[in-house]
Amino acid sequence: MKIGIDARMYGAQKNRGIGRYIEKYLQYLQEIDTENQYVVFLNADNFDLFNPSSSNFQKVKVNILWYTFSEQILFLKVLNKYKFDLVHFLNFNAPVFYKKDFVVTIHDLTMTHYSGTRATTRNKFLYKKKMIVARWLVKKVCHQAKRIIVPTEFTKGDIVKFLKIDDKKIDVIYEGVDKFDFKIEDIFLNKRFGIKKPYFFYVGAAYPHKNLELMIKAFRDFNASDKYQLVLAGPKDFFYQRLQKESVAGDEDILILGKVSDPELSALLKWAECFIFPSKVEGFGLPPLEAMSIGCPVLSSNATCLPEILDKGAIFFDPNSIDDIVEGLKKITTDVNFRNDLVAAGYENIKRFSWQRMAEEILKIFKEFD
């Protein structure tokens, strides 16, 4: 078969979770499939990041931005030119007038659960219009797709409930998790980042649904004696800048580091007292799994898919309760046996997740169209 893959969001450094998903998917798909012919579409900013390792994979530069009118018209023309047997869209933003067979990955329906105007830098009126279009688009694409791939049972339930899709055409395929093994001494953290005390760690975006303001309030309640620091890593975009101004300014025990490399992330996870994940909405939850992979205890919200993914490898809290977070921090920092049991349960939990297995299960779907 001739299969097209929309990888325009390739690259974890720029596109976070979806970008890493695409990276790993293409890496392992190349290893397991040498028969089908693939055309991988990329943009100028990530074209050089993906270099096919298998002769049946070809990359093509299209330079058409996602979530734009151009992808609905120009990308449609590109796809029609290739006459594919099947296309895999790796996010919901597919050209709605594409009429041939396609599979789509839907990572989550966050827009259904959380769409307040604090989640945008745009004009509020324009943002509301954008959300209306996005909801229409994801519904249209899901109805047109021959198969829908989702990362959790929770997201499958969302699609059935909110989009009225037959659950028989939805496949739950868990993502994978990498185990970090970079060797960096803890003294590096002080020299590089100014971390001087035992600390709690968060990595990810600062969008409103990530619930970082509540996490910061809970940390301050817990840290009345100033024994700890709270360290956050993520791109210093508008949302982190707003968080710094409104919630962090002047507090030397809260550090916002900006983006960190994988070796730096490995060190930050390895030496943290625990990883905190306070999100109110998630489609999968890769950061806490990465924390588990390196032996970092996880304190997580019990919202949406997180209990499904983290299972017994995390201690959970109500994402609306400061007291719940404080109690979790107390338990992790005072009960050594509980902490050790939590780390062991985390190691056991991540055995359920494999990027190679994810690629194999997606390939099985492709073969049904042959």
Protein backbone atom coordinates (compact mmCIF):
# COMPACT_ATOMS: atom_id res chain seq x y z
CA MET A 1 0.00 0.00 0.00
CA LYS A 2 0.93 3.61 -0.46
CA ILE A 3 0.35 5.42 2.83
CA GLY A 4 0.61 9.12 3.61
CA ILE A 5 1.51 10.37 7.08
CA ASP A 6 0.83 13.93 8.18
CA ALA A 7 3.88 14.62 10.36
CA ARG A 8 3.82 18.41 10.16
CA MET A 9 3.78 18.57 13.98
CA TYR A 10 6.91 16.39 14.27
CA GLY A 11 9.34 17.35 17.03
CA ALA A 12 8.95 17.24 20.81
CA GLN A 13 10.95 20.42 21.40
CA LYS A 14 8.36 22.51 19.58
CA ASN A 15 5.14 20.54 19.82
CA ARG A 16 5.59 18.78 23.16
CA GLY A 17 3.42 15.67 23.55
CA ILE A 18 2.13 15.38 19.98
CA GLY A 19 5.59 16.09 18.60
CA ARG A 20 7.15 13.30 20.67
CA TYR A 21 4.30 10.93 19.74
CA ILE A 22 5.06 11.50 16.05
CA GLU A 23 8.81 11.11 16.55
CA LYS A 24 8.46 7.77 18.29
CA TYR A 25 5.73 6.51 15.98
CA LEU A 26 7.86 7.09 12.88
CA GLN A 27 10.99 5.70 14.54
CA TYR A 28 9.39 2.36 15.35
CA LEU A 29 7.16 2.14 12.27
CA GLN A 30 10.30 2.20 10.14
CA GLU A 31 11.74 -0.68 12.15
CA ILE A 32 8.73 -2.96 11.77
CA ASP A 33 7.40 -2.24 8.26
CA THR A 34 9.57 -2.63 5.18
CA GLU A 35 6.72 -3.47 2.80
CA ASN A 36 4.32 -0.53 2.59
CA GLN A 37 5.45 2.66 0.87
CA TYR A 38 5.23 5.77 3.06
CA VAL A 39 5.24 9.46 2.25
CA VAL A 40 5.88 11.58 5.34
CA PHE A 41 4.81 15.22 5.13
CA LEU A 42 6.81 17.79 7.10
CA ASN A 43 7.22 21.55 7.30
CA ALA A 44 10.41 23.57 6.80
CA ASP A 45 11.11 23.89 10.53
CA ASN A 46 11.17 20.13 11.14
CA PHE A 47 12.10 18.77 7.71
CA ASP A 48 15.74 18.20 8.66
CA LEU A 49 14.83 16.62 12.00
CA PHE A 50 13.40 13.50 10.38
CA ASN A 51 15.78 11.45 8.28
CA PRO A 52 14.27 8.18 7.02
CA SER A 53 16.21 5.10 8.03
CA SER A 54 14.25 2.80 5.73
CA SER A 55 14.11 2.98 1.93
CA ASN A 56 10.31 2.63 1.87
CA PHE A 57 9.94 5.96 3.70
CA GLN A 58 10.09 9.21 1.73
CA LYS A 59 9.86 12.66 3.28
CA VAL A 60 8.21 15.59 1.53
CA LYS A 61 8.34 19.26 2.52
CA VAL A 62 4.93 20.94 2.26
CA ASN A 63 5.38 23.95 4.57
CA ILE A 64 1.68 24.28 5.35
CA LEU A 65 0.95 25.35 8.92
CA TRP A 66 -1.56 23.45 11.00
CA TYR A 67 -4.87 24.98 12.16
CA THR A 68 -4.97 27.25 9.13
CA PHE A 69 -7.23 27.68 6.15
CA SER A 70 -4.27 26.73 3.95
CA GLU A 71 -4.18 23.16 5.22
CA GLN A 72 -7.81 22.75 4.23
CA ILE A 73 -7.08 23.79 0.63
CA LEU A 74 -3.38 23.50 -0.17
CA PHE A 75 -2.70 20.33 1.84
CA LEU A 76 -5.80 18.78 0.29
CA LYS A 77 -4.31 19.37 -3.18
CA VAL A 78 -1.04 17.77 -2.13
CA LEU A 79 -2.78 14.68 -0.74
CA ASN A 80 -4.95 14.25 -3.83
CA LYS A 81 -1.88 14.41 -6.06
CA TYR A 82 -0.32 11.36 -4.44
CA LYS A 83 -3.34 9.06 -4.78
CA PHE A 84 -2.81 7.26 -1.48
CA ASP A 85 -4.44 4.01 -0.48
CA LEU A 86 -4.57 5.33 3.08
CA VAL A 87 -3.58 8.45 5.00
CA HIS A 88 -2.83 8.69 8.71
CA PHE A 89 -3.54 12.13 10.18
CA LEU A 90 -1.76 12.44 13.51
CA ASN A 91 -4.07 15.11 14.91
CA PHE A 92 -7.65 16.19 14.29
CA ASN A 93 -6.74 19.02 11.87
CA ALA A 94 -7.24 17.07 8.66
CA PRO A 95 -8.62 18.52 5.40
CA VAL A 96 -12.36 17.90 5.70
CA PHE A 97 -12.84 17.54 1.95
CA TYR A 98 -10.38 14.67 1.64
CA LYS A 99 -12.56 11.84 0.33
CA LYS A 100 -10.30 8.79 0.32
CA ASP A 101 -9.70 6.41 3.23
CA PHE A 102 -7.95 7.80 6.26
CA VAL A 103 -7.19 7.01 9.89
CA VAL A 104 -6.91 9.78 12.48
CA THR A 105 -5.28 9.94 15.91
CA ILE A 106 -7.27 12.00 18.42
CA HIS A 107 -5.11 12.72 21.45
CA ASP A 108 -7.81 14.25 23.64
CA LEU A 109 -10.92 16.41 23.70
CA THR A 110 -9.52 19.06 26.02
CA MET A 111 -11.48 21.72 24.15
CA THR A 112 -14.68 20.02 25.31
CA HIS A 113 -13.65 19.98 28.97
CA TYR A 114 -11.79 23.26 29.22
CA SER A 115 -12.00 26.26 26.91
CA GLY A 116 -11.98 29.39 29.08
CA THR A 117 -10.63 32.62 27.60
CA ARG A 118 -7.57 32.45 29.89
CA ALA A 119 -6.44 29.63 27.61
CA THR A 120 -5.65 32.02 24.75
CA THR A 121 -3.52 35.01 23.87
CA ARG A 122 -5.97 36.04 21.19
CA ASN A 123 -8.90 38.42 21.16
CA LYS A 124 -11.65 36.74 23.20
CA PHE A 125 -14.19 37.02 20.39
CA LEU A 126 -11.78 35.48 17.88
CA TYR A 127 -10.89 32.75 20.35
CA LYS A 128 -14.53 31.78 20.79
CA LYS A 129 -14.92 31.60 17.01
CA LYS A 130 -11.78 29.46 16.81
CA MET A 131 -13.15 27.03 19.39
CA ILE A 132 -16.45 26.71 17.51
CA VAL A 133 -14.55 25.88 14.32
CA ALA A 134 -12.23 23.44 16.14
CA ARG A 135 -15.14 21.55 17.71
CA TRP A 136 -16.87 21.34 14.34
CA LEU A 137 -13.65 20.17 12.68
CA VAL A 138 -12.87 17.39 15.16
CA LYS A 139 -16.43 16.11 14.92
CA LYS A 140 -16.42 16.21 11.13
CA VAL A 141 -13.05 14.46 10.85
CA CYS A 142 -14.03 11.75 13.34
CA HIS A 143 -17.24 10.98 11.45
CA GLN A 144 -15.36 10.79 8.13
CA ALA A 145 -12.43 8.70 9.38
CA LYS A 146 -12.50 4.97 8.74
CA ARG A 147 -10.77 4.37 12.07
CA ILE A 148 -9.94 6.56 15.06
CA ILE A 149 -6.90 5.92 17.24
CA VAL A 150 -6.95 7.25 20.81
CA PRO A 151 -4.40 6.90 23.65
CA THR A 152 -6.82 6.03 26.47
CA GLU A 153 -10.19 4.49 27.24
CA PHE A 154 -11.14 7.85 28.73
CA THR A 155 -10.65 9.65 25.41
CA LYS A 156 -12.58 6.90 23.63
CA GLY A 157 -15.47 7.51 26.03
CA ASP A 158 -15.28 11.24 25.37
CA ILE A 159 -15.53 10.71 21.61
CA VAL A 160 -18.50 8.40 21.95
CA LYS A 161 -20.23 10.74 24.38
CA PHE A 162 -19.58 14.15 22.86
CA LEU A 163 -19.17 13.36 19.15
CA LYS A 164 -21.68 10.49 18.91
CA ILE A 165 -19.22 8.14 17.23
CA ASP A 166 -19.70 4.37 17.05
CA ASP A 167 -17.21 2.91 19.53
CA LYS A 168 -16.51 0.01 17.14
CA LYS A 169 -14.35 2.22 14.94
CA ILE A 170 -12.29 3.59 17.84
CA ASP A 171 -9.05 1.80 18.77
CA VAL A 172 -7.39 2.45 22.13
CA ILE A 173 -3.62 2.21 21.65
CA TYR A 174 -1.45 3.30 24.56
CA GLU A 175 1.61 5.40 23.90
CA GLY A 176 5.08 4.45 25.09
CA VAL A 177 7.53 5.89 27.58
CA ASP A 178 11.29 6.30 27.35
CA LYS A 179 13.50 5.46 30.28
CA PHE A 180 16.01 8.23 30.84
CA ASP A 181 19.51 7.00 31.64
CA PHE A 182 21.62 10.15 31.45
CA LYS A 183 24.22 10.40 34.23
CA ILE A 184 24.29 13.87 35.80
CA GLU A 185 25.34 14.58 39.36
CA ASP A 186 23.01 16.43 41.69
CA ILE A 187 25.54 19.24 42.22
CA PHE A 188 24.82 20.21 38.61
CA LEU A 189 21.34 21.33 39.64
CA ASN A 190 22.70 24.03 41.92
CA LYS A 191 25.28 25.27 39.42
CA ARG A 192 22.94 25.21 36.42
CA PHE A 193 19.58 26.12 37.90
CA GLY A 194 20.17 27.49 41.39
CA ILE A 195 18.34 24.65 43.14
CA LYS A 196 19.57 24.80 46.74
CA LYS A 197 16.98 22.81 48.69
CA PRO A 198 15.05 19.54 48.35
CA TYR A 199 12.49 20.24 45.65
CA PHE A 200 9.27 19.15 43.99
CA PHE A 201 9.19 19.14 40.20
CA TYR A 202 6.76 19.76 37.35
CA VAL A 203 7.48 19.73 33.61
CA GLY A 204 5.02 20.71 30.90
CA ALA A 205 2.99 23.61 29.60
CA ALA A 206 1.40 26.32 31.76
CA TYR A 207 -2.00 26.38 30.08
CA PRO A 208 -4.85 27.07 32.51
CA HIS A 209 -6.09 23.48 32.50
CA LYS A 210 -2.66 22.38 33.77
CA ASN A 211 -3.77 23.88 37.11
CA LEU A 212 -0.37 25.26 38.13
CA GLU A 213 -1.81 28.14 40.16
CA LEU A 214 -3.44 25.71 42.57
CA MET A 215 -0.25 23.65 42.77
CA ILE A 216 1.69 26.78 43.73
CA LYS A 217 -0.83 27.68 46.45
CA ALA A 218 -0.63 24.16 47.86
CA PHE A 219 3.17 24.25 47.82
CA ARG A 220 3.19 27.52 49.76
CA ASP A 221 0.85 26.04 52.38
CA PHE A 222 3.07 22.98 52.71
CA ASN A 223 6.33 24.96 52.70
CA ALA A 224 5.61 27.28 55.63
CA SER A 225 9.01 26.41 57.12
CA ASP A 226 10.84 27.19 53.84
CA LYS A 227 12.55 23.78 53.66
CA TYR A 228 11.69 23.04 50.02
CA GLN A 229 11.63 24.52 46.55
CA LEU A 230 9.15 24.05 43.72
CA VAL A 231 10.77 23.77 40.29
CA LEU A 232 8.86 24.07 37.01
CA ALA A 233 10.21 23.44 33.51
CA GLY A 234 8.52 24.39 30.27
CA PRO A 235 8.69 26.91 27.44
CA LYS A 236 8.68 30.50 28.69
CA ASP A 237 5.71 31.46 26.57
CA PHE A 238 2.86 33.83 27.37
CA PHE A 239 1.33 31.41 29.86
CA TYR A 240 4.51 30.90 31.88
CA GLN A 241 5.18 34.63 31.79
CA ARG A 242 1.71 35.27 33.17
CA LEU A 243 2.23 32.61 35.83
CA GLN A 244 5.53 34.24 36.82
CA LYS A 245 3.90 37.66 37.11
CA GLU A 246 0.67 36.65 38.85
CA SER A 247 1.69 33.70 41.04
CA VAL A 248 5.45 33.45 41.43
CA ALA A 249 7.01 36.92 41.46
CA GLY A 250 9.23 37.49 44.48
CA ASP A 251 9.15 33.91 45.75
CA GLU A 252 12.72 32.56 45.73
CA ASP A 253 11.50 29.05 46.54
CA ILE A 254 9.66 28.75 43.20
CA LEU A 255 11.84 28.45 40.10
CA ILE A 256 10.65 28.54 36.48
CA LEU A 257 13.49 27.15 34.36
CA GLY A 258 12.18 27.38 30.82
CA LYS A 259 12.86 24.54 28.39
CA VAL A 260 15.30 21.86 29.48
CA SER A 261 17.18 19.22 27.50
CA ASP A 262 16.56 15.52 27.98
CA PRO A 263 19.75 15.09 30.06
CA GLU A 264 18.71 18.04 32.23
CA LEU A 265 15.20 16.64 32.57
CA SER A 266 16.69 13.30 33.60
CA ALA A 267 18.66 14.95 36.39
CA LEU A 268 15.74 17.07 37.54
CA LEU A 269 13.52 13.98 37.81
CA LYS A 270 16.18 11.82 39.42
CA TRP A 271 16.86 14.16 42.34
CA ALA A 272 13.33 15.49 42.94
CA GLU A 273 11.43 14.65 46.12
CA CYS A 274 8.48 13.93 43.85
CA PHE A 275 6.91 14.86 40.54
CA ILE A 276 3.62 16.80 40.82
CA PHE A 277 1.06 16.63 38.02
CA PRO A 278 -1.98 18.78 38.92
CA SER A 279 -3.73 18.84 35.53
CA LYS A 280 -7.51 19.00 35.27
CA VAL A 281 -7.61 17.53 31.75
CA GLU A 282 -5.27 15.10 30.00
CA GLY A 283 -5.48 12.79 27.01
CA PHE A 284 -2.62 10.55 28.13
CA GLY A 285 -0.13 11.90 30.68
CA LEU A 286 3.41 11.22 29.45
CA PRO A 287 5.42 13.38 31.94
CA PRO A 288 4.43 11.40 35.06
CA LEU A 289 5.28 8.15 33.25
CA GLU A 290 8.71 9.57 32.43
CA ALA A 291 9.08 10.40 36.13
CA MET A 292 8.22 6.81 37.05
CA SER A 293 10.78 5.51 34.58
CA ILE A 294 13.60 7.13 36.52
CA GLY A 295 12.35 6.29 39.99
CA CYS A 296 10.75 9.60 40.89
CA PRO A 297 7.62 9.31 43.08
CA VAL A 298 4.50 10.74 41.41
CA LEU A 299 1.78 12.84 43.01
CA SER A 300 -0.99 13.30 40.46
CA SER A 301 -4.42 14.72 39.94
CA ASN A 302 -7.17 12.09 39.72
CA ALA A 303 -8.77 13.85 36.75
CA THR A 304 -9.81 12.37 33.41
CA CYS A 305 -7.47 9.59 32.17
CA LEU A 306 -4.75 9.85 34.82
CA PRO A 307 -5.88 7.01 37.13
CA GLU A 308 -6.16 4.78 34.04
CA ILE A 309 -2.60 5.56 32.92
CA LEU A 310 -0.77 5.94 36.23
CA ASP A 311 -2.64 3.19 38.09
CA LYS A 312 -0.93 2.17 41.36
CA GLY A 313 2.25 4.06 40.45
CA ALA A 314 0.97 7.40 41.77
CA ILE A 315 -0.71 8.90 44.79
CA PHE A 316 -3.77 10.83 43.62
CA PHE A 317 -5.45 14.04 44.74
CA ASP A 318 -8.53 16.07 43.89
CA PRO A 319 -7.30 18.76 41.44
CA ASN A 320 -9.57 21.31 43.13
CA SER A 321 -8.26 20.65 46.65
CA ILE A 322 -5.21 22.40 48.08
CA ASP A 323 -5.50 20.26 51.22
CA ASP A 324 -5.32 17.07 49.15
CA ILE A 325 -2.04 18.15 47.54
CA VAL A 326 -0.58 19.19 50.90
CA GLU A 327 -1.46 15.80 52.41
CA GLY A 328 0.17 14.03 49.48
CA LEU A 329 3.36 16.05 49.86
CA LYS A 330 3.45 15.29 53.58
CA LYS A 331 3.06 11.56 52.98
CA ILE A 332 5.79 11.39 50.33
CA THR A 333 8.28 13.41 52.40
CA THR A 334 7.69 11.69 55.77
CA ASP A 335 6.90 8.04 55.04
CA VAL A 336 10.01 6.40 53.59
CA ASN A 337 8.40 2.98 53.17
CA PHE A 338 5.43 4.46 51.35
CA ARG A 339 7.78 6.42 49.08
CA ASN A 340 9.79 3.31 48.23
CA ASP A 341 6.63 1.29 47.54
CA LEU A 342 5.38 4.07 45.26
CA VAL A 343 8.63 4.07 43.27
CA ALA A 344 8.45 0.27 42.90
CA ALA A 345 4.83 0.48 41.74
CA GLY A 346 5.86 3.12 39.20
CA TYR A 347 8.53 0.87 37.72
CA GLU A 348 5.94 -1.89 37.43
CA ASN A 349 3.36 0.39 35.86
CA ILE A 350 5.54 1.61 32.99
CA LYS A 351 5.91 -1.97 31.74
CA ARG A 352 2.44 -1.51 30.22
CA PHE A 353 3.70 1.12 27.76
CA SER A 354 5.87 0.61 24.68
CA TRP A 355 6.40 2.80 21.61
CA GLN A 356 7.21 -0.28 19.54
CA ARG A 357 4.00 -2.00 20.62
CA MET A 358 2.09 1.18 19.76
CA ALA A 359 3.55 1.18 16.23
CA GLU A 360 2.78 -2.54 15.84
CA GLU A 361 -0.86 -2.05 16.79
CA ILE A 362 -1.24 0.87 14.38
CA LEU A 363 0.32 -1.22 11.61
CA LYS A 364 -2.27 -3.93 12.27
CA ILE A 365 -4.97 -1.37 11.52
CA PHE A 366 -3.25 -0.38 8.27
CA LYS A 367 -3.17 -4.02 7.16
CA GLU A 368 -6.94 -4.21 7.40
CA PHE A 369 -7.12 -1.81 4.44
CA ASP A 370 -4.82 -3.89 2.24
